[in-house]
Protein backbone atom coordinates (compact mmCIF):
# COMPACT_ATOMS: atom_id res chain seq x y z
CA MET A 1 -9.97 -5.80 -5.56
CA ARG A 2 -11.83 -3.82 -8.16
CA GLU A 3 -10.14 -2.43 -11.25
CA ARG A 4 -9.29 1.23 -10.83
CA PHE A 5 -7.39 2.20 -13.96
CA LEU A 6 -9.21 4.15 -16.65
CA SER A 7 -8.15 4.92 -20.20
CA GLU A 8 -6.79 8.42 -20.83
CA THR A 9 -9.99 9.36 -22.65
CA ASN A 10 -12.22 8.25 -19.80
CA GLN A 11 -9.99 10.04 -17.30
CA ALA A 12 -10.22 13.27 -19.30
CA LEU A 13 -14.02 13.03 -19.42
CA GLN A 14 -14.16 12.32 -15.70
CA MET A 15 -11.92 15.31 -14.98
CA GLU A 16 -14.15 17.59 -17.06
CA ARG A 17 -17.26 16.45 -15.18
CA ILE A 18 -15.48 17.10 -11.87
CA ARG A 19 -14.39 20.56 -13.01
CA MET A 20 -18.00 21.43 -13.85
CA PHE A 21 -19.24 20.08 -10.50
CA ILE A 22 -16.53 21.91 -8.53
CA GLY A 23 -17.29 25.15 -10.33
CA LEU A 24 -21.01 24.90 -9.62
CA ALA A 25 -20.44 23.89 -6.00
CA GLY A 26 -17.83 26.58 -5.38
CA ILE A 27 -15.30 24.12 -3.93
CA ASN A 28 -11.63 25.08 -3.80
CA ALA A 29 -9.14 22.66 -5.35
CA ASN A 30 -7.03 22.81 -2.18
CA ASP A 31 -9.88 21.20 -0.22
CA ILE A 32 -9.72 17.95 -2.19
CA LEU A 33 -6.43 16.73 -0.70
CA LYS A 34 -5.82 16.86 3.04
CA THR A 35 -2.37 15.45 3.76
CA ASP A 36 -1.81 16.96 7.23
CA LYS A 37 -3.86 14.38 9.10
CA PRO A 38 -3.09 13.49 12.74
CA SER A 39 -2.12 9.91 13.58
CA TRP A 40 -5.43 9.16 15.31
CA SER A 41 -7.32 10.21 12.19
CA VAL A 42 -5.20 7.92 9.97
CA ASN A 43 -5.71 5.03 12.39
CA HIS A 44 -9.46 5.64 12.45
CA SER A 45 -9.56 5.79 8.65
CA LEU A 46 -7.66 2.52 8.31
CA GLU A 47 -9.83 0.77 10.88
CA GLY A 48 -12.94 1.90 9.01
CA PHE A 49 -11.47 0.74 5.71
CA VAL A 50 -10.73 -2.72 7.14
CA ASP A 51 -14.27 -2.96 8.54
CA ARG A 52 -15.64 -2.17 5.09
CA VAL A 53 -13.42 -4.77 3.37
CA ASN A 54 -14.52 -7.46 5.81
CA HIS A 55 -18.20 -6.47 5.80
CA LEU A 56 -18.36 -6.59 2.00
CA GLU A 57 -16.17 -9.74 1.94
CA LEU A 58 -13.95 -8.17 -0.71
CA LEU A 59 -11.12 -10.59 0.07
CA SER A 60 -13.17 -13.68 0.88
CA PRO A 61 -12.24 -16.32 2.04
CA PHE A 62 -9.74 -14.01 3.81
CA THR A 63 -10.32 -11.33 6.41
CA MET A 64 -8.18 -8.27 7.08
CA GLU A 65 -6.76 -6.65 10.21
CA TYR A 66 -5.05 -3.29 10.75
CA HIS A 67 -2.05 -3.08 13.07
CA PHE A 68 0.01 -0.11 14.21
CA ASN A 69 3.44 -0.51 15.82
CA ARG A 70 5.69 2.56 15.81
CA PRO A 71 8.26 2.60 14.37
CA ARG A 72 8.04 -1.12 13.45
CA GLY A 73 8.10 -4.48 15.21
CA TRP A 74 6.19 -7.62 16.09
CA VAL A 75 2.40 -7.78 16.13
CA VAL A 76 0.47 -10.72 17.56
CA GLY A 77 -2.85 -12.23 16.53
CA SER A 78 -4.78 -15.47 16.87
CA TRP A 79 -2.83 -16.60 13.79
CA GLY A 80 0.60 -16.09 15.40
CA ASN A 81 3.33 -13.42 15.10
CA PHE A 82 4.23 -11.10 12.22
CA PHE A 83 7.06 -8.57 12.02
CA LEU A 84 6.11 -5.21 10.47
CA ASP A 85 8.94 -3.44 8.63
CA ALA A 86 6.99 -0.16 8.85
CA PRO A 87 4.58 1.20 11.49
CA ARG A 88 1.27 0.56 9.72
CA GLY A 89 0.26 -2.86 8.48
CA LEU A 90 -2.68 -4.55 6.80
CA LEU A 91 -2.68 -8.29 7.45
CA ILE A 92 -4.91 -10.89 5.84
CA GLN A 93 -5.65 -14.37 7.11
CA ALA A 94 -7.84 -17.23 5.93
CA LYS A 95 -11.18 -17.46 7.73
CA SER A 96 -11.26 -20.12 10.42
CA ASP A 97 -13.87 -22.17 8.57
CA HIS A 98 -11.46 -22.41 5.62
CA VAL A 99 -8.58 -23.76 7.73
CA GLN A 100 -8.09 -27.48 8.32
CA LYS A 101 -7.57 -28.63 11.91
CA GLU A 102 -4.04 -29.78 11.21
CA GLU A 103 -2.86 -26.46 9.72
CA SER A 104 -2.53 -22.85 10.81
CA SER A 105 -4.09 -19.91 8.99
CA ALA A 106 -2.48 -18.55 5.82
CA VAL A 107 -1.26 -15.06 6.71
CA ALA A 108 0.31 -12.28 4.64
CA GLY A 109 0.76 -8.56 5.16
CA ILE A 110 1.79 -5.21 3.76
CA ALA A 111 3.48 -2.51 5.85
CA PHE A 112 3.77 1.19 5.07
CA SER A 113 4.46 4.66 6.46
CA VAL A 114 2.79 8.04 6.00
CA VAL A 115 5.54 10.48 5.00
CA GLY A 116 5.56 13.52 7.28
CA LEU A 117 3.62 11.74 10.00
CA ASP A 118 5.53 8.52 10.70
CA SER A 119 9.22 8.42 11.54
CA ILE A 120 11.20 6.89 8.65
CA ASP A 121 14.77 5.70 9.19
CA PRO A 122 16.82 6.17 5.97
CA GLY A 123 19.07 3.34 7.11
CA ARG A 124 16.20 0.93 6.49
CA TYR A 125 16.13 1.92 2.80
CA PRO A 126 19.72 1.82 1.46
CA ASN A 127 20.37 4.32 -1.38
CA LEU A 128 16.70 5.25 -1.72
CA ASP A 129 16.18 8.81 -3.01
CA PHE A 130 14.35 10.48 -0.13
CA LEU A 131 14.28 13.86 -1.88
CA CYS A 132 11.42 12.65 -4.09
CA LEU A 133 9.18 11.95 -1.08
CA LYS A 134 6.52 14.50 -0.14
CA PRO A 135 4.30 14.92 2.94
CA GLY A 136 1.26 12.70 2.64
CA ASP A 137 2.95 10.07 0.48
CA ILE A 138 2.21 6.48 1.46
CA LEU A 139 5.50 4.55 1.36
CA VAL A 140 5.12 0.76 1.13
CA ALA A 141 8.16 -1.01 2.58
CA GLN A 142 6.99 -4.60 2.99
CA ILE A 143 4.86 -7.12 1.10
CA GLN A 144 5.39 -10.49 2.75
CA ALA A 145 3.76 -13.79 3.60
CA GLN A 146 4.20 -15.26 7.04
CA LYS A 147 7.25 -17.50 7.30
CA GLY A 148 6.84 -21.25 7.50
CA LEU A 149 3.60 -21.58 5.53
CA GLY A 150 2.81 -24.98 4.10
CA TRP A 151 1.94 -25.79 0.51
CA GLU A 152 -1.83 -25.60 1.12
CA GLN A 153 -1.52 -22.20 2.77
CA ARG A 154 0.66 -20.80 -0.01
CA GLU A 155 -1.84 -22.05 -2.60
CA LYS A 156 -4.69 -20.24 -0.83
CA LEU A 157 -2.73 -17.01 -0.92
CA LYS A 158 -1.79 -17.59 -4.55
CA GLU A 159 -5.46 -17.94 -5.54
CA LEU A 160 -6.09 -14.53 -4.00
CA LYS A 161 -3.12 -12.98 -5.87
CA TRP A 162 -2.24 -11.71 -2.45
CA GLU A 163 0.61 -9.35 -3.37
CA ARG A 164 -1.54 -7.36 -5.80
CA SER A 165 -4.57 -7.57 -3.51
CA LEU A 166 -2.65 -6.07 -0.60
CA LEU A 167 -1.08 -3.29 -2.67
CA GLY A 168 -4.48 -2.62 -4.25
CA ALA A 169 -6.01 -2.36 -0.78
CA VAL A 170 -3.46 0.25 0.31
CA PHE A 171 -4.08 2.23 -2.87
CA ASP A 172 -7.86 2.07 -2.41
CA TRP A 173 -7.55 3.28 1.17
CA ALA A 174 -5.15 6.10 0.24
CA GLU A 175 -7.52 7.28 -2.48
CA ARG A 176 -10.54 7.21 -0.17
CA ALA A 177 -8.63 8.96 2.61
CA GLY A 178 -7.44 11.78 0.34
CA PHE A 179 -3.73 11.01 0.16
CA PRO A 180 -1.94 12.01 -3.05
CA ARG A 181 0.41 9.13 -3.89
CA VAL A 182 1.31 5.56 -3.04
CA LEU A 183 4.94 4.52 -3.46
CA VAL A 184 6.65 1.13 -3.30
CA VAL A 185 10.28 0.69 -2.24
CA PRO A 186 12.11 -1.28 -4.99
CA ALA A 187 13.83 -4.55 -4.17
CA ALA A 188 17.24 -2.92 -4.76
CA ASN A 189 16.59 -0.59 -1.81
CA ASN A 190 15.26 -3.27 0.54
CA TYR A 191 16.93 -3.36 3.95
CA TRP A 192 17.20 -7.14 4.08
CA LEU A 193 19.59 -7.27 1.11
CA THR A 194 22.17 -5.50 3.30
CA ASP A 195 21.45 -7.44 6.49
CA ALA A 196 24.45 -9.53 7.53
CA GLY A 197 22.30 -12.56 8.26
CA CYS A 198 20.94 -12.64 4.69
CA GLN A 199 24.20 -12.55 2.72
CA ASP A 200 24.41 -16.32 2.30
CA ILE A 201 21.06 -16.32 0.47
CA ARG A 202 21.43 -12.95 -1.26
CA PRO A 203 21.20 -14.21 -4.91
CA SER A 204 17.92 -16.06 -4.32
CA LEU A 205 16.66 -13.27 -2.05
CA GLU A 206 17.29 -10.62 -4.72
CA LYS A 207 15.22 -12.58 -7.23
CA ARG A 208 12.40 -13.19 -4.77
CA LEU A 209 12.27 -9.55 -3.65
CA PHE A 210 12.32 -8.29 -7.25
CA LEU A 211 9.26 -10.40 -8.05
CA ARG A 212 7.58 -9.38 -4.81
CA TYR A 213 8.11 -5.62 -5.08
CA ASP A 214 9.13 -4.47 -8.56
CA VAL A 215 6.99 -6.87 -10.56
CA THR A 216 3.96 -6.45 -8.27
CA ALA A 217 4.22 -2.66 -8.46
CA ARG A 218 4.47 -2.69 -12.26
CA ARG A 219 1.52 -5.05 -12.61
CA CYS A 220 -0.54 -2.68 -10.45
CA GLY A 221 0.27 0.28 -12.70
CA PHE A 222 3.07 1.86 -10.67
CA GLN A 223 6.01 3.44 -12.47
CA GLN A 224 9.61 4.19 -11.51
CA GLU A 225 11.08 7.35 -13.03
CA ARG A 226 14.71 6.52 -12.29
CA GLU A 227 16.96 4.16 -10.36
CA ASN A 228 16.76 4.35 -6.54
CA GLN A 229 13.39 6.08 -6.63
CA PRO A 230 10.24 4.32 -5.42
CA TYR A 231 7.61 3.05 -7.82
CA CYS A 232 4.82 5.61 -7.75
CA GLN A 233 1.18 5.97 -8.63
CA GLU A 234 -0.94 9.07 -8.04
CA THR A 235 -4.47 8.71 -6.74
CA LEU A 236 -7.40 10.05 -8.72
CA LYS A 237 -7.86 12.77 -6.09
CA LYS A 238 -4.28 13.92 -6.67
CA ARG A 239 -4.77 14.04 -10.43
CA THR A 240 -8.07 15.84 -9.92
CA HIS A 241 -6.46 18.33 -7.54
CA ASP A 242 -3.68 19.10 -10.02
CA ALA A 243 -6.13 19.45 -12.91
CA LEU A 244 -8.40 21.75 -10.93
CA TRP A 245 -5.52 23.80 -9.57
CA GLY A 246 -4.23 24.34 -13.09
CA TYR A 247 -7.76 25.07 -14.28
CA GLN A 248 -8.33 27.68 -11.55
CA LYS A 249 -4.94 29.35 -12.13
CA ALA A 250 -5.64 29.50 -15.85
CA GLY A 251 -9.02 31.02 -15.15
């Protein structure tokens, strides 16, 4: 996915240009962010985003699918089954012409919720600080490859840098759709660390989840303010909204 992080100087210049444009156009800062979207609108936005990713071949040789399963659960595709830990999921799979006859497609996915729209069970996020969540936040709960992948399949995903690509895709969509923030649940607050069936492998699981969630989030520019809070990154529209709101109040 494309780079999206600008230096502070470039961001300031971009903000100033936007302020001038907004002033000339007579647009209100409150119109930039629209977080009270109905579920059908979010689904439509995600479907359109996936179509764009596939049409432009942004993840080639992989394609992307959007799945919705409230509140979470199994989804089924030509590539097999995948369990979503949150209602909305973006799944990627290797194109059929890049898959050998003797192997199945390499599949990985990212699952997330829209705070204020999707039902979120606190029991699925042990000790997570829910008071920091706001309506319109996109909360990422799962970044996972399909179980049972062979060496060749894992290498294909590795070449794509699939964890960062999937998180980058969610951030790109959230920014285009007008949502304010994307957040990632830290490994320490992952449900599977408390699941009874995972206790025998907890030490290795903790390490794997830390790399999958905390390290991926940090490498994508997300920051965690304090323990038990999600990693967070504001979209450009959110920063623009705050800058314009402060600019209009000052004026």
